[in-house]
Amino acid sequence: MQIDKELDLKGEVCPFTFVKSKLIIEQMDTGQVLRVILDYKPSVENVPKSMEMEGQEVLAVNQIGENLWEVLVRKVK
């Protein structure tokens, strides 16, 4: 899968993780994929849920290390 942009939010907490993710995806073109790197467990649940509520497509949520996750989101609108 092609990743068009990556956003490293290690050290960030809710709601900033979603707000920063939303600002980046708004600048992207429809169909592009954003990879968000998180190390705050509540954000791993909140960012995908909030992205879906915004109408975006959450492709995957994967644990990629100890206390480290990636969220892959495709811009729909």
PDB file of N, CA and C in Angstrom:
ATOM      1  N   MET A   1       0.846  -1.189   0.000  1.00  0.00           N
ATOM      2  CA  MET A   1       0.000   0.000   0.000  1.00  0.00           C
ATOM      3  C   MET A   1       0.884   1.243   0.000  1.00  0.00           C
ATOM      4  N   GLN A   2       0.526   2.188  -0.831  1.00  0.00           N
ATOM      5  CA  GLN A   2       1.287   3.435  -0.904  1.00  0.00           C
ATOM      6  C   GLN A   2       0.839   4.380   0.204  1.00  0.00           C
ATOM      7  N   ILE A   3       1.799   4.887   0.952  1.00  0.00           N
ATOM      8  CA  ILE A   3       1.545   5.886   1.979  1.00  0.00           C
ATOM      9  C   ILE A   3       1.911   7.242   1.374  1.00  0.00           C
ATOM     10  N   ASP A   4       0.951   8.156   1.354  1.00  0.00           N
ATOM     11  CA  ASP A   4       1.200   9.464   0.744  1.00  0.00           C
ATOM     12  C   ASP A   4       1.770  10.470   1.736  1.00  0.00           C
ATOM     13  N   LYS A   5       1.354  10.369   2.995  1.00  0.00           N
ATOM     14  CA  LYS A   5       1.879  11.263   4.038  1.00  0.00           C
ATOM     15  C   LYS A   5       1.969  10.463   5.329  1.00  0.00           C
ATOM     16  N   GLU A   6       2.946  10.844   6.151  1.00  0.00           N
ATOM     17  CA  GLU A   6       3.094  10.207   7.457  1.00  0.00           C
ATOM     18  C   GLU A   6       3.130  11.291   8.517  1.00  0.00           C
ATOM     19  N   LEU A   7       2.413  11.046   9.603  1.00  0.00           N
ATOM     20  CA  LEU A   7       2.334  11.997  10.701  1.00  0.00           C
ATOM     21  C   LEU A   7       2.755  11.284  11.975  1.00  0.00           C
ATOM     22  N   ASP A   8       3.871  11.697  12.549  1.00  0.00           N
ATOM     23  CA  ASP A   8       4.409  11.090  13.763  1.00  0.00           C
ATOM     24  C   ASP A   8       3.901  11.883  14.962  1.00  0.00           C
ATOM     25  N   LEU A   9       2.992  11.270  15.730  1.00  0.00           N
ATOM     26  CA  LEU A   9       2.395  11.955  16.871  1.00  0.00           C
ATOM     27  C   LEU A   9       2.819  11.326  18.200  1.00  0.00           C
ATOM     28  N   LYS A  10       3.999  10.711  18.219  1.00  0.00           N
ATOM     29  CA  LYS A  10       4.511  10.172  19.482  1.00  0.00           C
ATOM     30  C   LYS A  10       4.661  11.316  20.479  1.00  0.00           C
ATOM     31  N   GLY A  11       4.201  11.075  21.697  1.00  0.00           N
ATOM     32  CA  GLY A  11       4.279  12.096  22.737  1.00  0.00           C
ATOM     33  C   GLY A  11       3.061  13.005  22.790  1.00  0.00           C
ATOM     34  N   GLU A  12       2.152  12.879  21.827  1.00  0.00           N
ATOM     35  CA  GLU A  12       0.933  13.695  21.798  1.00  0.00           C
ATOM     36  C   GLU A  12      -0.227  12.923  22.422  1.00  0.00           C
ATOM     37  N   VAL A  13      -1.180  13.648  22.991  1.00  0.00           N
ATOM     38  CA  VAL A  13      -2.350  13.033  23.616  1.00  0.00           C
ATOM     39  C   VAL A  13      -3.630  13.594  22.993  1.00  0.00           C
ATOM     40  N   CYS A  14      -4.752  12.936  23.289  1.00  0.00           N
ATOM     41  CA  CYS A  14      -6.067  13.392  22.830  1.00  0.00           C
ATOM     42  C   CYS A  14      -6.369  14.740  23.481  1.00  0.00           C
ATOM     43  N   PRO A  15      -7.049  15.647  22.829  1.00  0.00           N
ATOM     44  CA  PRO A  15      -7.605  15.553  21.482  1.00  0.00           C
ATOM     45  C   PRO A  15      -6.633  16.006  20.390  1.00  0.00           C
ATOM     46  N   PHE A  16      -5.403  16.341  20.771  1.00  0.00           N
ATOM     47  CA  PHE A  16      -4.455  16.889  19.796  1.00  0.00           C
ATOM     48  C   PHE A  16      -4.111  15.892  18.699  1.00  0.00           C
ATOM     49  N   THR A  17      -4.116  14.592  19.038  1.00  0.00           N
ATOM     50  CA  THR A  17      -3.792  13.589  18.023  1.00  0.00           C
ATOM     51  C   THR A  17      -4.811  13.614  16.891  1.00  0.00           C
ATOM     52  N   PHE A  18      -6.084  13.729  17.225  1.00  0.00           N
ATOM     53  CA  PHE A  18      -7.105  13.782  16.178  1.00  0.00           C
ATOM     54  C   PHE A  18      -7.066  15.113  15.439  1.00  0.00           C
ATOM     55  N   VAL A  19      -6.939  16.204  16.177  1.00  0.00           N
ATOM     56  CA  VAL A  19      -6.948  17.533  15.549  1.00  0.00           C
ATOM     57  C   VAL A  19      -5.816  17.642  14.529  1.00  0.00           C
ATOM     58  N   LYS A  20      -4.626  17.206  14.909  1.00  0.00           N
ATOM     59  CA  LYS A  20      -3.485  17.294  13.989  1.00  0.00           C
ATOM     60  C   LYS A  20      -3.680  16.364  12.797  1.00  0.00           C
ATOM     61  N   SER A  21      -4.235  15.169  13.032  1.00  0.00           N
ATOM     62  CA  SER A  21      -4.510  14.237  11.933  1.00  0.00           C
ATOM     63  C   SER A  21      -5.524  14.827  10.970  1.00  0.00           C
ATOM     64  N   LYS A  22      -6.562  15.434  11.510  1.00  0.00           N
ATOM     65  CA  LYS A  22      -7.617  16.030  10.683  1.00  0.00           C
ATOM     66  C   LYS A  22      -7.063  17.171   9.829  1.00  0.00           C
ATOM     67  N   LEU A  23      -6.220  18.006  10.417  1.00  0.00           N
ATOM     68  CA  LEU A  23      -5.648  19.129   9.664  1.00  0.00           C
ATOM     69  C   LEU A  23      -4.802  18.633   8.490  1.00  0.00           C
ATOM     70  N   ILE A  24      -4.044  17.561   8.690  1.00  0.00           N
ATOM     71  CA  ILE A  24      -3.211  17.024   7.610  1.00  0.00           C
ATOM     72  C   ILE A  24      -4.082  16.403   6.517  1.00  0.00           C
ATOM     73  N   ILE A  25      -5.061  15.582   6.914  1.00  0.00           N
ATOM     74  CA  ILE A  25      -5.864  14.889   5.894  1.00  0.00           C
ATOM     75  C   ILE A  25      -6.701  15.867   5.082  1.00  0.00           C
ATOM     76  N   GLU A  26      -7.074  17.005   5.668  1.00  0.00           N
ATOM     77  CA  GLU A  26      -7.828  18.019   4.926  1.00  0.00           C
ATOM     78  C   GLU A  26      -6.996  18.609   3.788  1.00  0.00           C
ATOM     79  N   GLN A  27      -5.674  18.581   3.911  1.00  0.00           N
ATOM     80  CA  GLN A  27      -4.791  19.140   2.882  1.00  0.00           C
ATOM     81  C   GLN A  27      -4.470  18.123   1.790  1.00  0.00           C
ATOM     82  N   MET A  28      -4.861  16.870   2.007  1.00  0.00           N
ATOM     83  CA  MET A  28      -4.531  15.802   1.064  1.00  0.00           C
ATOM     84  C   MET A  28      -5.593  15.677  -0.026  1.00  0.00           C
ATOM     85  N   ASP A  29      -5.246  14.984  -1.101  1.00  0.00           N
ATOM     86  CA  ASP A  29      -6.183  14.743  -2.191  1.00  0.00           C
ATOM     87  C   ASP A  29      -7.016  13.497  -1.902  1.00  0.00           C
ATOM     88  N   THR A  30      -8.226  13.462  -2.432  1.00  0.00           N
ATOM     89  CA  THR A  30      -9.091  12.299  -2.295  1.00  0.00           C
ATOM     90  C   THR A  30      -8.360  11.055  -2.797  1.00  0.00           C
ATOM     91  N   GLY A  31      -8.448   9.985  -2.003  1.00  0.00           N
ATOM     92  CA  GLY A  31      -7.809   8.725  -2.364  1.00  0.00           C
ATOM     93  C   GLY A  31      -6.420   8.537  -1.771  1.00  0.00           C
ATOM     94  N   GLN A  32      -5.821   9.615  -1.284  1.00  0.00           N
ATOM     95  CA  GLN A  32      -4.497   9.489  -0.687  1.00  0.00           C
ATOM     96  C   GLN A  32      -4.590   8.851   0.699  1.00  0.00           C
ATOM     97  N   VAL A  33      -3.476   8.256   1.131  1.00  0.00           N
ATOM     98  CA  VAL A  33      -3.434   7.538   2.399  1.00  0.00           C
ATOM     99  C   VAL A  33      -2.496   8.246   3.379  1.00  0.00           C
ATOM    100  N   LEU A  34      -3.001   8.437   4.585  1.00  0.00           N
ATOM    101  CA  LEU A  34      -2.246   9.042   5.681  1.00  0.00           C
ATOM    102  C   LEU A  34      -1.898   7.957   6.690  1.00  0.00           C
ATOM    103  N   ARG A  35      -0.637   7.909   7.089  1.00  0.00           N
ATOM    104  CA  ARG A  35      -0.184   6.991   8.145  1.00  0.00           C
ATOM    105  C   ARG A  35       0.092   7.827   9.386  1.00  0.00           C
ATOM    106  N   VAL A  36      -0.641   7.534  10.462  1.00  0.00           N
ATOM    107  CA  VAL A  36      -0.485   8.253  11.726  1.00  0.00           C
ATOM    108  C   VAL A  36       0.194   7.309  12.717  1.00  0.00           C
ATOM    109  N   ILE A  37       1.295   7.757  13.317  1.00  0.00           N
ATOM    110  CA  ILE A  37       2.027   6.975  14.307  1.00  0.00           C
ATOM    111  C   ILE A  37       1.659   7.511  15.692  1.00  0.00           C
ATOM    112  N   LEU A  38       1.208   6.593  16.554  1.00  0.00           N
ATOM    113  CA  LEU A  38       0.729   6.970  17.892  1.00  0.00           C
ATOM    114  C   LEU A  38       1.405   6.119  18.962  1.00  0.00           C
ATOM    115  N   ASP A  39       1.590   6.721  20.154  1.00  0.00           N
ATOM    116  CA  ASP A  39       2.096   5.960  21.290  1.00  0.00           C
ATOM    117  C   ASP A  39       1.220   6.150  22.528  1.00  0.00           C
ATOM    118  N   TYR A  40       0.058   6.755  22.327  1.00  0.00           N
ATOM    119  CA  TYR A  40      -0.885   7.023  23.417  1.00  0.00           C
ATOM    120  C   TYR A  40      -2.117   6.146  23.189  1.00  0.00           C
ATOM    121  N   LYS A  41      -2.301   5.125  24.022  1.00  0.00           N
ATOM    122  CA  LYS A  41      -3.327   4.099  23.808  1.00  0.00           C
ATOM    123  C   LYS A  41      -4.729   4.671  23.560  1.00  0.00           C
ATOM    124  N   PRO A  42      -5.214   5.651  24.340  1.00  0.00           N
ATOM    125  CA  PRO A  42      -6.556   6.186  24.050  1.00  0.00           C
ATOM    126  C   PRO A  42      -6.685   6.762  22.635  1.00  0.00           C
ATOM    127  N   SER A  43      -5.615   7.295  22.091  1.00  0.00           N
ATOM    128  CA  SER A  43      -5.653   7.843  20.731  1.00  0.00           C
ATOM    129  C   SER A  43      -5.821   6.749  19.691  1.00  0.00           C
ATOM    130  N   VAL A  44      -5.334   5.548  20.011  1.00  0.00           N
ATOM    131  CA  VAL A  44      -5.445   4.423  19.078  1.00  0.00           C
ATOM    132  C   VAL A  44      -6.914   4.075  18.849  1.00  0.00           C
ATOM    133  N   GLU A  45      -7.767   4.342  19.823  1.00  0.00           N
ATOM    134  CA  GLU A  45      -9.207   4.135  19.674  1.00  0.00           C
ATOM    135  C   GLU A  45      -9.891   5.392  19.148  1.00  0.00           C
ATOM    136  N   ASN A  46      -9.487   6.547  19.648  1.00  0.00           N
ATOM    137  CA  ASN A  46     -10.182   7.797  19.330  1.00  0.00           C
ATOM    138  C   ASN A  46      -9.906   8.322  17.930  1.00  0.00           C
ATOM    139  N   VAL A  47      -8.669   8.230  17.457  1.00  0.00           N
ATOM    140  CA  VAL A  47      -8.348   8.776  16.131  1.00  0.00           C
ATOM    141  C   VAL A  47      -9.118   8.029  15.034  1.00  0.00           C
ATOM    142  N   PRO A  48      -9.093   6.676  14.999  1.00  0.00           N
ATOM    143  CA  PRO A  48      -9.869   5.999  13.954  1.00  0.00           C
ATOM    144  C   PRO A  48     -11.371   6.280  14.037  1.00  0.00           C
ATOM    145  N   LYS A  49     -11.908   6.277  15.247  1.00  0.00           N
ATOM    146  CA  LYS A  49     -13.342   6.528  15.422  1.00  0.00           C
ATOM    147  C   LYS A  49     -13.694   7.933  14.927  1.00  0.00           C
ATOM    148  N   SER A  50     -12.890   8.912  15.277  1.00  0.00           N
ATOM    149  CA  SER A  50     -13.153  10.290  14.853  1.00  0.00           C
ATOM    150  C   SER A  50     -12.973  10.464  13.349  1.00  0.00           C
ATOM    151  N   MET A  51     -11.991   9.786  12.773  1.00  0.00           N
ATOM    152  CA  MET A  51     -11.789   9.867  11.322  1.00  0.00           C
ATOM    153  C   MET A  51     -13.003   9.301  10.584  1.00  0.00           C
ATOM    154  N   GLU A  52     -13.526   8.174  11.065  1.00  0.00           N
ATOM    155  CA  GLU A  52     -14.722   7.600  10.438  1.00  0.00           C
ATOM    156  C   GLU A  52     -15.915   8.528  10.576  1.00  0.00           C
ATOM    157  N   MET A  53     -16.045   9.184  11.719  1.00  0.00           N
ATOM    158  CA  MET A  53     -17.150  10.133  11.920  1.00  0.00           C
ATOM    159  C   MET A  53     -17.022  11.316  10.967  1.00  0.00           C
ATOM    160  N   GLU A  54     -15.797  11.639  10.559  1.00  0.00           N
ATOM    161  CA  GLU A  54     -15.547  12.726   9.604  1.00  0.00           C
ATOM    162  C   GLU A  54     -15.765  12.268   8.162  1.00  0.00           C
ATOM    163  N   GLY A  55     -16.043  10.954   7.978  1.00  0.00           N
ATOM    164  CA  GLY A  55     -16.304  10.448   6.639  1.00  0.00           C
ATOM    165  C   GLY A  55     -15.094   9.848   5.947  1.00  0.00           C
ATOM    166  N   GLN A  56     -13.982   9.689   6.670  1.00  0.00           N
ATOM    167  CA  GLN A  56     -12.782   9.105   6.078  1.00  0.00           C
ATOM    168  C   GLN A  56     -12.811   7.581   6.247  1.00  0.00           C
ATOM    169  N   GLU A  57     -11.984   6.884   5.481  1.00  0.00           N
ATOM    170  CA  GLU A  57     -11.938   5.423   5.517  1.00  0.00           C
ATOM    171  C   GLU A  57     -10.706   4.961   6.297  1.00  0.00           C
ATOM    172  N   VAL A  58     -10.940   4.284   7.419  1.00  0.00           N
ATOM    173  CA  VAL A  58      -9.840   3.730   8.200  1.00  0.00           C
ATOM    174  C   VAL A  58      -9.499   2.372   7.596  1.00  0.00           C
ATOM    175  N   LEU A  59      -8.285   2.251   7.080  1.00  0.00           N
ATOM    176  CA  LEU A  59      -7.850   1.034   6.404  1.00  0.00           C
ATOM    177  C   LEU A  59      -7.307  -0.002   7.382  1.00  0.00           C
ATOM    178  N   ALA A  60      -6.600   0.468   8.414  1.00  0.00           N
ATOM    179  CA  ALA A  60      -5.988  -0.470   9.355  1.00  0.00           C
ATOM    180  C   ALA A  60      -5.535   0.264  10.609  1.00  0.00           C
ATOM    181  N   VAL A  61      -5.500  -0.495  11.694  1.00  0.00           N
ATOM    182  CA  VAL A  61      -4.878  -0.061  12.942  1.00  0.00           C
ATOM    183  C   VAL A  61      -3.975  -1.216  13.347  1.00  0.00           C
ATOM    184  N   ASN A  62      -2.667  -0.965  13.356  1.00  0.00           N
ATOM    185  CA  ASN A  62      -1.703  -2.027  13.613  1.00  0.00           C
ATOM    186  C   ASN A  62      -0.756  -1.643  14.740  1.00  0.00           C
ATOM    187  N   GLN A  63      -0.484  -2.604  15.613  1.00  0.00           N
ATOM    188  CA  GLN A  63       0.557  -2.381  16.610  1.00  0.00           C
ATOM    189  C   GLN A  63       1.885  -2.672  15.928  1.00  0.00           C
ATOM    190  N   ILE A  64       2.802  -1.703  15.974  1.00  0.00           N
ATOM    191  CA  ILE A  64       4.070  -1.834  15.267  1.00  0.00           C
ATOM    192  C   ILE A  64       5.265  -1.873  16.217  1.00  0.00           C
ATOM    193  N   GLY A  65       4.986  -1.855  17.501  1.00  0.00           N
ATOM    194  CA  GLY A  65       6.042  -1.911  18.502  1.00  0.00           C
ATOM    195  C   GLY A  65       5.417  -1.887  19.880  1.00  0.00           C
ATOM    196  N   GLU A  66       6.265  -1.920  20.893  1.00  0.00           N
ATOM    197  CA  GLU A  66       5.746  -1.837  22.249  1.00  0.00           C
ATOM    198  C   GLU A  66       5.229  -0.418  22.477  1.00  0.00           C
ATOM    199  N   ASN A  67       3.946  -0.309  22.793  1.00  0.00           N
ATOM    200  CA  ASN A  67       3.298   1.001  22.957  1.00  0.00           C
ATOM    201  C   ASN A  67       3.452   1.878  21.717  1.00  0.00           C
ATOM    202  N   LEU A  68       3.332   1.282  20.540  1.00  0.00           N
ATOM    203  CA  LEU A  68       3.451   2.032  19.291  1.00  0.00           C
ATOM    204  C   LEU A  68       2.493   1.437  18.262  1.00  0.00           C
ATOM    205  N   TRP A  69       1.683   2.307  17.647  1.00  0.00           N
ATOM    206  CA  TRP A  69       0.675   1.874  16.685  1.00  0.00           C
ATOM    207  C   TRP A  69       0.717   2.763  15.461  1.00  0.00           C
ATOM    208  N   GLU A  70       0.191   2.206  14.354  1.00  0.00           N
ATOM    209  CA  GLU A  70      -0.030   2.999  13.146  1.00  0.00           C
ATOM    210  C   GLU A  70      -1.513   2.927  12.809  1.00  0.00           C
ATOM    211  N   VAL A  71      -2.032   4.047  12.339  1.00  0.00           N
ATOM    212  CA  VAL A  71      -3.403   4.117  11.853  1.00  0.00           C
ATOM    213  C   VAL A  71      -3.300   4.564  10.396  1.00  0.00           C
ATOM    214  N   LEU A  72      -3.878   3.771   9.494  1.00  0.00           N
ATOM    215  CA  LEU A  72      -3.861   4.104   8.071  1.00  0.00           C
ATOM    216  C   LEU A  72      -5.246   4.569   7.661  1.00  0.00           C
ATOM    217  N   VAL A  73      -5.304   5.772   7.097  1.00  0.00           N
ATOM    218  CA  VAL A  73      -6.574   6.403   6.753  1.00  0.00           C
ATOM    219  C   VAL A  73      -6.537   6.863   5.299  1.00  0.00           C
ATOM    220  N   ARG A  74      -7.572   6.499   4.533  1.00  0.00           N
ATOM    221  CA  ARG A  74      -7.693   6.986   3.145  1.00  0.00           C
ATOM    222  C   ARG A  74      -8.670   8.157   3.147  1.00  0.00           C
ATOM    223  N   LYS A  75      -8.261   9.234   2.492  1.00  0.00           N
ATOM    224  CA  LYS A  75      -9.147  10.399   2.387  1.00  0.00           C
ATOM    225  C   LYS A  75     -10.265  10.094   1.403  1.00  0.00           C
ATOM    226  N   VAL A  76     -11.490  10.236   1.874  1.00  0.00           N
ATOM    227  CA  VAL A  76     -12.673   9.994   1.051  1.00  0.00           C
ATOM    228  C   VAL A  76     -13.269  11.314   0.591  1.00  0.00           C
ATOM    229  N   LYS A  77     -13.331  12.273   1.505  1.00  0.00           N
ATOM    230  CA  LYS A  77     -13.917  13.581   1.140  1.00  0.00           C
ATOM    231  C   LYS A  77     -13.178  14.703   1.812  1.00  0.00           C
TER     232      LYS A  77
END
